[in-house]
Amino acid sequence: MEVCYQLPVLPLDRPVPKHVLSRRGAISFSSSSSLFGGPAPRQLSKRRGAISYDSEDQTALYIRMLDVRVRSQLGFEQERRGSHPYLYVDFRILHSRPESAGPVSARNVRRLLSFQRYLNSSQFLRGIPASDPLSYILDDDYTGQAKLMLEKVGNWNFDIFLFDRLTNGNSLVNLTFHLFNSYGLIELFQLDMVKLRRFLVMIQEDYRSQNPYHNAVHAADVTQAMYCYLQEPKLAQTLTSCDLLLGLLAAATHDLDHPGVNQPFLIKTDHYLAALYKNSSVLENHHWKSAVGLLRESALLSHLPTEDRLSLEERLGSLILATDISRQNDYLSEFRSHLDKEDLCLTNGGHRHFILQMALKCADICNPCRPWKLCQQWSEKVTEEFFHQGDIERKHNLEVTPLCDRQSNSIANIQIGFMSYVVEPLFLEWSRFSDTRLSQTMLGHLSLNKQGWKEGRDKPDATNSRASEEQRTSVAKDSNSRVLPQGSKGS
């Protein structure tokens, strides 16, 4: 099985994610460990289910997942951002490693990043046809389930946490690539598929995985929500291909390289970003400029005329800057004014762009409008991130942001306030603009979730809890029903 001697390696010097360490069958191969000149099976088995062997077959090698690699002294080169990403390792080098070198320590086992992420694009470079058996070596069971989920990517109860597990932490790459393909944007804009894949991986890797909330999974969730809004009748009938491209790009990059703290924290700690952007929309400007940097580095749009490319970058920035929560009331007042005057005309490019801004704002804070199971998980994650900032402030004798003080706040109180004063006003206006079944479903979830947090705070009796759970389950089932088209009003 000669082809198994060379496999693509894309190393990045970042820690192995916890969800990978805990996954069963992270790597499986049916050959003796001496092929690699590496540690004995007992040593490697310290990572739960990380490696399994089949002694009956001494030739086959099956890499099922990602996130393990060996140090460069064993034949790997270090990747540098901007260098050619498709590096190879000859496993025969590892096999010929002198025995005197001893086994590889656990510390020397590092990430083998992105075998799955770059599988398709590496095939292009190596000239392997799509029907090659190697296409099916990697996690067939999991990728099959992920593909089934993508068939229902327009459902409002889409579980992004499950999808992220099924794609082995690559939810943003796989979901965004799928949406680009389903809209035909790759052909329309003549995008190079290898550049697109690399660009999406660069985006995903530039989200900080240590952030409980502002990470690549949140970006994937916002992108999925944005897709649901783009499918709404008023938008689907009027948006241009350029609008769709910008909407998806903005959703995927809207929190790029988020540091896990808010703008006031950056300002009071004299962070260089606060000085760079003059204390105005600091994070949003950073997200935008980071996205533009990756667009240029990947050369994804380099084939477009310079004027068009610069225009796309500016419009992308306008969308991302709209997610600044400190400007929420400004956008909401303008939206409400348009609706009161009934003067929104989506054949007008400026009005379409404004609706894209509002759609992205809704997608960014839509967690309370999801089914309870998803809403609860997101609420816990964002509160964990808030409290972590408060802990840092307290540790360094800074004034603790009230929202971030774990000693005086709870998840329930934070969520009830957020839903009442930020989420509900926005989604009520959105439902005025797009009075569809999806809008009514979101408002239904919002109402029940707020009730759920109030009950949790007030510690209700078991009967009320069961009744509320039944109500939430009923709404969740309704949001997944395909009896009515998404654009139809609920009864």
Protein backbone atom coordinates (compact mmCIF):
# COMPACT_ATOMS: atom_id res chain seq x y z
CA MET A 1 0.00 0.00 0.00
CA GLU A 2 2.63 2.46 -1.23
CA VAL A 3 0.36 5.49 -1.13
CA CYS A 4 0.22 5.25 2.66
CA TYR A 5 3.89 6.18 2.90
CA GLN A 6 3.16 9.80 2.06
CA LEU A 7 0.37 11.80 3.62
CA PRO A 8 -0.14 15.58 3.69
CA VAL A 9 0.91 17.37 6.84
CA LEU A 10 -0.13 20.90 7.79
CA PRO A 11 1.46 21.67 11.16
CA LEU A 12 0.49 24.63 13.33
CA ASP A 13 2.05 25.31 16.69
CA ARG A 14 -1.08 25.32 18.79
CA PRO A 15 -2.25 23.00 21.56
CA VAL A 16 -4.41 19.99 20.88
CA PRO A 17 -8.09 20.95 21.44
CA LYS A 18 -9.78 19.28 24.39
CA HIS A 19 -12.55 17.86 22.22
CA VAL A 20 -9.93 16.03 20.13
CA LEU A 21 -8.16 14.60 23.16
CA SER A 22 -11.45 13.21 24.40
CA ARG A 23 -12.55 11.70 21.10
CA ARG A 24 -12.44 7.93 20.76
CA GLY A 25 -10.57 6.57 17.78
CA ALA A 26 -8.74 9.81 17.08
CA ILE A 27 -6.26 7.78 15.05
CA SER A 28 -6.42 4.16 14.08
CA PHE A 29 -4.00 2.16 12.00
CA SER A 30 -3.46 -1.53 11.52
CA SER A 31 0.28 -1.83 11.61
CA SER A 32 2.90 -2.31 14.27
CA SER A 33 4.26 0.77 16.01
CA SER A 34 7.75 -0.08 14.80
CA LEU A 35 6.76 1.28 11.38
CA PHE A 36 6.84 4.73 12.93
CA GLY A 37 9.82 4.16 15.17
CA GLY A 38 7.60 5.69 17.82
CA PRO A 39 6.26 4.86 21.25
CA ALA A 40 4.82 1.55 22.24
CA PRO A 41 1.04 1.12 22.05
CA ARG A 42 0.77 1.24 25.83
CA GLN A 43 2.38 4.67 25.89
CA LEU A 44 0.12 6.04 23.17
CA SER A 45 -2.97 4.56 24.77
CA LYS A 46 -2.64 7.11 27.55
CA ARG A 47 -4.70 9.34 25.25
CA ARG A 48 -8.11 7.76 25.64
CA GLY A 49 -8.81 5.72 22.54
CA ALA A 50 -6.27 7.75 20.59
CA ILE A 51 -4.74 4.81 18.73
CA SER A 52 -5.96 1.32 17.99
CA TYR A 53 -4.20 -1.54 16.25
CA ASP A 54 -5.23 -4.54 14.24
CA SER A 55 -2.49 -7.16 14.47
CA GLU A 56 -4.02 -9.24 11.68
CA ASP A 57 -3.14 -6.69 9.01
CA GLN A 58 0.50 -5.60 8.92
CA THR A 59 0.33 -3.34 5.86
CA ALA A 60 -2.61 -0.95 6.00
CA LEU A 61 -2.52 2.51 7.52
CA TYR A 62 -5.74 4.40 8.25
CA ILE A 63 -5.69 7.93 9.57
CA ARG A 64 -9.23 8.61 10.82
CA MET A 65 -9.01 12.00 12.42
CA LEU A 66 -6.52 14.82 12.81
CA ASP A 67 -4.60 16.63 15.51
CA VAL A 68 -1.51 14.52 16.10
CA ARG A 69 1.86 15.03 14.52
CA VAL A 70 5.50 14.27 15.32
CA ARG A 71 8.17 16.91 15.85
CA SER A 72 10.25 18.23 12.98
CA GLN A 73 13.30 16.22 14.06
CA LEU A 74 11.43 13.14 12.84
CA GLY A 75 11.03 14.46 9.32
CA PHE A 76 8.49 17.30 9.52
CA GLU A 77 9.10 20.86 8.44
CA GLN A 78 7.51 23.76 10.26
CA GLU A 79 4.85 25.64 8.32
CA ARG A 80 5.11 29.39 8.11
CA ARG A 81 2.06 31.46 7.30
CA GLY A 82 2.26 32.38 3.66
CA SER A 83 4.47 29.43 2.71
CA HIS A 84 3.27 26.60 0.54
CA PRO A 85 0.84 24.70 2.78
CA TYR A 86 1.11 21.22 1.33
CA LEU A 87 4.03 19.52 3.03
CA TYR A 88 4.69 15.81 3.08
CA VAL A 89 6.37 13.38 5.40
CA ASP A 90 7.90 10.15 4.22
CA PHE A 91 7.03 7.57 6.87
CA ARG A 92 9.95 5.46 5.68
CA ILE A 93 12.20 8.09 7.30
CA LEU A 94 10.49 7.41 10.58
CA HIS A 95 10.83 3.69 10.03
CA SER A 96 14.59 4.01 9.52
CA ARG A 97 15.04 6.14 12.64
CA PRO A 98 17.91 4.73 14.77
CA GLU A 99 16.76 2.71 17.74
CA SER A 100 19.26 4.54 19.93
CA ALA A 101 17.17 7.67 19.61
CA GLY A 102 14.62 6.09 21.94
CA PRO A 103 10.87 6.41 21.91
CA VAL A 104 9.09 9.66 21.19
CA SER A 105 7.97 11.33 24.41
CA ALA A 106 4.41 12.47 24.89
CA ARG A 107 5.62 16.06 24.71
CA ASN A 108 6.99 15.41 21.22
CA VAL A 109 3.63 14.33 19.90
CA ARG A 110 2.06 17.39 18.29
CA ARG A 111 -0.78 18.15 15.95
CA LEU A 112 -1.11 16.68 12.52
CA LEU A 113 -3.35 19.50 11.40
CA SER A 114 -5.85 19.40 8.63
CA PHE A 115 -5.52 16.08 6.86
CA GLN A 116 -9.27 16.20 6.62
CA ARG A 117 -9.46 19.95 5.98
CA TYR A 118 -7.05 19.86 3.07
CA LEU A 119 -7.96 16.45 1.71
CA ASN A 120 -9.80 17.79 -1.34
CA SER A 121 -7.36 20.59 -2.12
CA SER A 122 -4.29 18.37 -1.67
CA GLN A 123 -5.82 15.97 -4.16
CA PHE A 124 -5.81 18.74 -6.74
CA LEU A 125 -2.09 19.31 -6.25
CA ARG A 126 -1.20 15.61 -6.25
CA GLY A 127 -3.40 14.86 -9.24
CA ILE A 128 -5.45 12.24 -7.41
CA PRO A 129 -8.89 11.75 -8.98
CA ALA A 130 -11.92 12.22 -6.77
CA SER A 131 -12.75 8.54 -7.02
CA ASP A 132 -9.44 7.51 -5.47
CA PRO A 133 -9.90 5.15 -2.50
CA LEU A 134 -7.96 7.54 -0.26
CA SER A 135 -10.96 9.84 -0.43
CA TYR A 136 -12.79 7.44 1.81
CA ILE A 137 -10.07 6.51 4.28
CA LEU A 138 -10.74 9.42 6.58
CA ASP A 139 -13.67 9.19 8.96
CA ASP A 140 -16.29 7.97 6.51
CA ASP A 141 -18.85 7.45 9.25
CA TYR A 142 -18.48 10.94 10.64
CA THR A 143 -18.26 12.79 7.32
CA GLY A 144 -21.33 10.89 6.13
CA GLN A 145 -23.31 12.13 9.11
CA ALA A 146 -21.99 15.66 8.60
CA LYS A 147 -23.17 15.60 4.98
CA LEU A 148 -26.61 14.51 6.12
CA MET A 149 -26.68 17.46 8.50
CA LEU A 150 -25.69 19.84 5.71
CA GLU A 151 -28.75 18.73 3.76
CA LYS A 152 -30.78 20.40 6.54
CA VAL A 153 -28.53 23.41 7.03
CA GLY A 154 -31.53 25.72 6.57
CA ASN A 155 -33.36 24.33 9.63
CA TRP A 156 -33.45 26.74 12.56
CA ASN A 157 -32.75 23.98 15.09
CA PHE A 158 -29.49 23.05 13.32
CA ASP A 159 -27.15 21.81 16.08
CA ILE A 160 -23.81 23.46 15.36
CA PHE A 161 -22.18 21.73 18.36
CA LEU A 162 -23.00 18.30 16.94
CA PHE A 163 -21.87 19.39 13.48
CA ASP A 164 -18.58 20.63 14.90
CA ARG A 165 -17.98 17.25 16.54
CA LEU A 166 -18.85 15.37 13.36
CA THR A 167 -16.42 17.50 11.36
CA ASN A 168 -13.73 17.13 13.99
CA GLY A 169 -13.63 20.81 14.86
CA ASN A 170 -13.93 22.01 11.27
CA SER A 171 -17.51 23.27 11.33
CA LEU A 172 -16.70 26.74 10.00
CA VAL A 173 -14.65 25.46 7.06
CA ASN A 174 -17.08 22.76 6.02
CA LEU A 175 -20.26 24.76 6.48
CA THR A 176 -19.02 27.90 4.71
CA PHE A 177 -17.52 25.92 1.83
CA HIS A 178 -20.82 24.07 1.45
CA LEU A 179 -22.80 27.32 1.34
CA PHE A 180 -20.45 28.89 -1.20
CA ASN A 181 -20.86 25.82 -3.35
CA SER A 182 -24.64 25.56 -2.95
CA TYR A 183 -25.10 29.20 -3.99
CA GLY A 184 -22.82 28.69 -6.99
CA LEU A 185 -20.49 31.46 -5.80
CA ILE A 186 -17.36 29.49 -6.69
CA GLU A 187 -18.37 29.42 -10.36
CA LEU A 188 -19.93 32.90 -10.43
CA PHE A 189 -16.82 34.61 -9.03
CA GLN A 190 -14.39 32.12 -10.59
CA LEU A 191 -12.87 31.34 -7.22
CA ASP A 192 -9.93 28.96 -7.03
CA MET A 193 -11.10 26.06 -4.85
CA VAL A 194 -7.67 25.52 -3.30
CA LYS A 195 -7.37 29.21 -2.41
CA LEU A 196 -10.90 29.21 -1.02
CA ARG A 197 -10.22 26.16 1.12
CA ARG A 198 -6.99 27.65 2.42
CA PHE A 199 -8.70 30.98 3.12
CA LEU A 200 -11.44 29.28 5.15
CA VAL A 201 -8.90 27.26 7.14
CA MET A 202 -6.93 30.43 7.86
CA ILE A 203 -10.14 32.06 9.13
CA GLN A 204 -10.96 29.11 11.35
CA GLU A 205 -7.45 28.98 12.79
CA ASP A 206 -7.42 32.72 13.51
CA TYR A 207 -10.36 32.35 15.85
CA ARG A 208 -9.02 31.68 19.34
CA SER A 209 -10.13 28.22 20.39
CA GLN A 210 -9.47 28.99 24.07
CA ASN A 211 -12.34 31.50 24.06
CA PRO A 212 -15.43 29.79 25.50
CA TYR A 213 -17.76 31.81 23.26
CA HIS A 214 -16.03 33.97 20.64
CA ASN A 215 -14.50 31.11 18.70
CA ALA A 216 -14.87 29.40 15.32
CA VAL A 217 -17.97 27.47 16.42
CA HIS A 218 -19.74 30.76 17.17
CA ALA A 219 -18.70 32.02 13.72
CA ALA A 220 -20.10 28.85 12.13
CA ASP A 221 -23.34 29.27 14.09
CA VAL A 222 -23.70 32.88 12.93
CA THR A 223 -22.98 31.82 9.34
CA GLN A 224 -25.72 29.17 9.53
CA ALA A 225 -28.17 31.71 10.96
CA MET A 226 -27.22 34.19 8.24
CA TYR A 227 -27.99 31.54 5.64
CA CYS A 228 -31.46 31.08 7.17
CA TYR A 229 -32.10 34.82 6.85
CA LEU A 230 -30.76 34.94 3.29
CA GLN A 231 -33.32 32.26 2.43
CA GLU A 232 -36.23 34.40 3.63
CA PRO A 233 -38.51 35.36 0.68
CA LYS A 234 -37.88 39.12 0.75
CA LEU A 235 -34.13 38.60 0.66
CA ALA A 236 -33.96 35.54 -1.57
CA GLN A 237 -35.92 37.35 -4.29
CA THR A 238 -33.83 40.51 -4.32
CA LEU A 239 -30.25 39.83 -3.16
CA THR A 240 -27.55 39.74 -5.80
CA SER A 241 -24.72 37.19 -5.93
CA CYS A 242 -22.40 39.89 -4.58
CA ASP A 243 -24.75 40.44 -1.63
CA LEU A 244 -24.74 36.71 -0.89
CA LEU A 245 -20.94 36.54 -1.07
CA LEU A 246 -20.56 39.49 1.29
CA GLY A 247 -23.22 38.19 3.69
CA LEU A 248 -21.51 34.82 4.10
CA LEU A 249 -18.00 36.31 4.30
CA ALA A 250 -19.10 38.82 6.93
CA ALA A 251 -20.79 36.15 9.02
CA ALA A 252 -17.73 33.88 8.90
CA THR A 253 -15.26 36.65 9.80
CA HIS A 254 -17.33 38.98 12.00
CA ASP A 255 -15.43 38.08 15.22
CA LEU A 256 -12.09 37.11 13.70
CA ASP A 257 -9.22 37.00 16.23
CA HIS A 258 -11.50 38.07 19.08
CA PRO A 259 -9.37 38.34 22.25
CA GLY A 260 -12.15 37.15 24.57
CA VAL A 261 -12.54 40.52 26.31
CA ASN A 262 -14.70 43.53 25.47
CA GLN A 263 -13.83 47.00 24.21
CA PRO A 264 -13.90 48.76 27.62
CA PHE A 265 -11.34 46.25 28.89
CA LEU A 266 -9.01 47.03 25.96
CA ILE A 267 -9.40 50.75 26.55
CA LYS A 268 -8.74 50.72 30.30
CA THR A 269 -5.71 48.47 29.89
CA ASP A 270 -4.24 50.72 27.16
CA HIS A 271 -4.23 47.89 24.66
CA TYR A 272 -2.54 48.73 21.37
CA LEU A 273 -5.75 47.97 19.44
CA ALA A 274 -7.59 50.64 21.39
CA ALA A 275 -4.93 53.18 20.46
CA LEU A 276 -4.83 52.00 16.86
CA TYR A 277 -8.57 52.45 16.33
CA LYS A 278 -8.92 55.48 18.64
CA ASN A 279 -11.27 53.73 21.08
CA SER A 280 -14.00 53.50 18.42
CA SER A 281 -15.42 50.09 17.39
CA VAL A 282 -12.05 48.66 18.39
CA LEU A 283 -12.89 44.97 18.10
CA GLU A 284 -15.03 45.31 14.98
CA ASN A 285 -12.31 47.26 13.17
CA HIS A 286 -9.82 44.59 14.16
CA HIS A 287 -12.11 41.80 12.90
CA TRP A 288 -12.56 43.62 9.59
CA LYS A 289 -8.88 44.38 9.03
CA SER A 290 -7.96 40.81 9.97
CA ALA A 291 -10.45 39.49 7.42
CA VAL A 292 -9.07 41.78 4.72
CA GLY A 293 -5.56 40.64 5.59
CA LEU A 294 -6.50 36.99 5.09
CA LEU A 295 -8.32 37.79 1.84
CA ARG A 296 -5.19 39.39 0.48
CA GLU A 297 -2.83 36.78 1.88
CA SER A 298 -4.81 33.95 0.34
CA ALA A 299 -5.19 35.91 -2.92
CA LEU A 300 -8.76 34.61 -3.07
CA LEU A 301 -10.02 37.69 -4.93
CA SER A 302 -6.76 38.65 -6.65
CA HIS A 303 -8.21 37.88 -10.09
CA LEU A 304 -10.89 40.56 -9.72
CA PRO A 305 -10.30 44.15 -10.90
CA THR A 306 -8.67 46.24 -8.19
CA GLU A 307 -11.62 48.64 -7.98
CA ASP A 308 -14.09 45.78 -7.46
CA ARG A 309 -11.86 44.11 -4.89
CA LEU A 310 -11.46 47.28 -2.84
CA SER A 311 -15.21 47.90 -3.02
CA LEU A 312 -15.89 44.40 -1.68
CA GLU A 313 -13.45 44.96 1.19
CA GLU A 314 -15.12 48.26 2.13
CA ARG A 315 -18.60 46.76 2.06
CA LEU A 316 -17.38 43.82 4.12
CA GLY A 317 -16.12 46.28 6.70
CA SER A 318 -19.46 48.09 6.75
CA LEU A 319 -21.22 44.82 7.58
CA ILE A 320 -18.78 43.78 10.31
CA LEU A 321 -18.79 47.25 11.91
CA ALA A 322 -22.58 47.01 12.20
CA THR A 323 -22.15 44.25 14.82
CA ASP A 324 -20.78 46.79 17.34
CA ILE A 325 -23.24 46.35 20.22
CA SER A 326 -22.55 49.89 21.43
CA ARG A 327 -24.25 51.17 18.26
CA GLN A 328 -27.26 48.88 18.64
CA ASN A 329 -29.76 51.67 19.30
CA ASP A 330 -28.59 53.66 16.27
CA TYR A 331 -29.23 50.80 13.88
CA LEU A 332 -32.45 49.81 15.60
CA SER A 333 -33.84 53.36 15.41
CA GLU A 334 -33.01 53.59 11.72
CA PHE A 335 -34.58 50.19 11.08
CA ARG A 336 -37.72 51.12 12.97
CA SER A 337 -37.95 54.43 11.09
CA HIS A 338 -37.76 52.66 7.71
CA LEU A 339 -40.47 50.23 8.77
CA ASP A 340 -42.73 52.99 10.05
CA LYS A 341 -42.36 54.94 6.80
CA GLU A 342 -42.58 51.75 4.71
CA ASP A 343 -39.86 53.15 2.46
CA LEU A 344 -37.53 50.15 2.27
CA CYS A 345 -36.97 49.26 -1.37
CA LEU A 346 -34.78 46.21 -1.85
CA THR A 347 -34.15 47.03 -5.50
CA ASN A 348 -32.06 49.87 -4.06
CA GLY A 349 -28.48 48.72 -3.39
CA GLY A 350 -28.13 50.89 -0.29
CA HIS A 351 -31.31 49.50 1.24
CA ARG A 352 -30.24 45.93 0.49
CA HIS A 353 -26.93 46.57 2.21
CA PHE A 354 -28.72 47.98 5.25
CA ILE A 355 -30.90 44.86 5.47
CA LEU A 356 -27.75 42.73 5.26
CA GLN A 357 -26.39 44.70 8.21
CA MET A 358 -29.55 44.05 10.19
CA ALA A 359 -29.53 40.36 9.22
CA LEU A 360 -25.94 40.02 10.44
CA LYS A 361 -26.83 41.79 13.69
CA CYS A 362 -29.69 39.34 14.21
CA ALA A 363 -27.48 36.36 13.38
CA ASP A 364 -24.81 37.55 15.80
CA ILE A 365 -27.13 37.60 18.83
CA CYS A 366 -29.67 34.95 17.81
CA ASN A 367 -28.68 32.39 20.48
CA PRO A 368 -31.65 33.26 22.77
CA CYS A 369 -33.94 32.57 19.79
CA ARG A 370 -32.66 29.02 19.32
CA PRO A 371 -34.24 25.93 20.90
CA TRP A 372 -33.61 25.72 24.65
CA LYS A 373 -30.92 23.06 24.39
CA LEU A 374 -28.79 25.28 22.15
CA CYS A 375 -29.71 28.52 23.91
CA GLN A 376 -28.62 27.13 27.26
CA GLN A 377 -25.24 25.97 25.97
CA TRP A 378 -24.47 29.32 24.35
CA SER A 379 -25.61 31.19 27.46
CA GLU A 380 -23.24 29.20 29.65
CA LYS A 381 -20.34 29.77 27.26
CA VAL A 382 -20.76 33.53 26.92
CA THR A 383 -21.19 33.92 30.68
CA GLU A 384 -18.04 31.88 31.27
CA GLU A 385 -16.16 34.28 29.00
CA PHE A 386 -17.63 37.31 30.80
CA PHE A 387 -16.69 35.95 34.20
CA HIS A 388 -13.18 35.13 33.01
CA GLN A 389 -12.71 38.79 32.09
CA GLY A 390 -14.01 39.80 35.52
CA ASP A 391 -11.53 37.45 37.18
CA ILE A 392 -8.67 39.08 35.27
CA GLU A 393 -9.87 42.54 36.25
CA ARG A 394 -10.10 41.56 39.91
CA LYS A 395 -6.68 39.90 39.83
CA HIS A 396 -5.02 43.05 38.49
CA ASN A 397 -6.96 45.44 40.75
CA LEU A 398 -8.97 46.92 37.90
CA GLU A 399 -12.55 48.01 38.21
CA VAL A 400 -14.63 44.88 37.59
CA THR A 401 -17.14 45.29 34.77
CA PRO A 402 -20.59 44.75 36.38
CA LEU A 403 -21.64 42.25 33.71
CA CYS A 404 -18.45 40.26 34.32
CA ASP A 405 -18.62 39.99 38.10
CA ARG A 406 -19.32 36.39 39.06
CA GLN A 407 -19.80 37.44 42.70
CA SER A 408 -22.85 39.58 41.96
CA ASN A 409 -24.26 38.06 38.77
CA SER A 410 -25.74 34.80 37.54
CA ILE A 411 -26.31 33.28 34.10
CA ALA A 412 -30.06 33.68 34.50
CA ASN A 413 -29.93 37.39 35.40
CA ILE A 414 -27.51 38.19 32.59
CA GLN A 415 -29.60 36.34 30.03
CA ILE A 416 -32.93 37.80 31.13
CA GLY A 417 -31.52 41.32 30.87
CA PHE A 418 -29.88 40.62 27.51
CA MET A 419 -33.06 39.13 26.07
CA SER A 420 -35.29 41.92 27.37
CA TYR A 421 -33.23 44.95 26.40
CA VAL A 422 -31.15 43.84 23.41
CA VAL A 423 -32.51 40.74 21.67
CA GLU A 424 -36.27 41.19 21.91
CA PRO A 425 -36.44 44.77 20.54
CA LEU A 426 -34.30 43.79 17.54
CA PHE A 427 -36.19 40.63 16.66
CA LEU A 428 -39.58 42.31 17.04
CA GLU A 429 -38.55 44.79 14.35
CA TRP A 430 -37.11 42.01 12.21
CA SER A 431 -40.44 40.17 12.40
CA ARG A 432 -42.15 43.39 11.21
CA PHE A 433 -39.84 43.39 8.20
CA SER A 434 -40.03 39.66 7.53
CA ASP A 435 -43.23 38.29 9.05
CA THR A 436 -42.61 34.64 8.23
CA ARG A 437 -42.81 31.34 9.98
CA LEU A 438 -39.11 31.58 10.86
CA SER A 439 -39.61 34.94 12.56
CA GLN A 440 -42.53 33.61 14.61
CA THR A 441 -40.49 30.53 15.56
CA MET A 442 -37.61 32.69 16.78
CA LEU A 443 -39.91 34.89 18.86
CA GLY A 444 -41.56 31.76 20.28
CA HIS A 445 -38.22 30.34 21.37
CA LEU A 446 -37.19 33.71 22.79
CA SER A 447 -40.30 33.93 24.94
CA LEU A 448 -40.00 30.38 26.24
CA ASN A 449 -36.26 30.65 26.87
CA LYS A 450 -36.70 33.86 28.85
CA GLN A 451 -39.40 32.12 30.84
CA GLY A 452 -37.06 29.19 31.37
CA TRP A 453 -34.31 31.42 32.79
CA LYS A 454 -36.81 33.16 35.07
CA GLU A 455 -38.03 29.81 36.37
CA GLY A 456 -34.48 28.64 36.93
CA ARG A 457 -33.71 31.80 38.85
CA ASP A 458 -36.85 31.54 40.96
CA LYS A 459 -36.53 27.75 41.42
CA PRO A 460 -40.05 26.71 40.39
CA ASP A 461 -41.75 23.49 41.35
CA ALA A 462 -41.26 20.40 39.20
CA THR A 463 -44.71 20.63 37.62
CA ASN A 464 -44.05 24.06 36.14
CA SER A 465 -40.63 22.93 34.94
CA ARG A 466 -42.11 19.96 33.10
CA ALA A 467 -44.81 22.13 31.55
CA SER A 468 -42.24 24.64 30.29
CA GLU A 469 -40.06 21.87 28.90
CA GLU A 470 -43.05 20.46 27.01
CA GLN A 471 -43.75 23.90 25.55
CA ARG A 472 -40.13 24.31 24.44
CA THR A 473 -40.15 20.84 22.89
CA SER A 474 -43.33 21.70 20.99
CA VAL A 475 -41.78 24.84 19.52
CA ALA A 476 -38.59 22.96 18.65
CA LYS A 477 -40.56 20.34 16.73
CA ASP A 478 -42.43 23.07 14.90
CA SER A 479 -39.20 24.79 13.89
CA ASN A 480 -37.98 21.54 12.34
CA SER A 481 -41.20 20.80 10.45
CA ARG A 482 -41.09 20.93 6.67
CA VAL A 483 -44.87 20.96 6.19
CA LEU A 484 -44.95 24.70 5.50
CA PRO A 485 -42.37 26.56 3.41
CA GLN A 486 -40.02 28.70 5.46
CA GLY A 487 -41.48 31.90 4.11
CA SER A 488 -45.05 31.06 5.10
CA LYS A 489 -46.67 32.65 8.13
CA GLY A 490 -47.48 30.44 11.06
CA SER A 491 -51.09 29.93 11.96
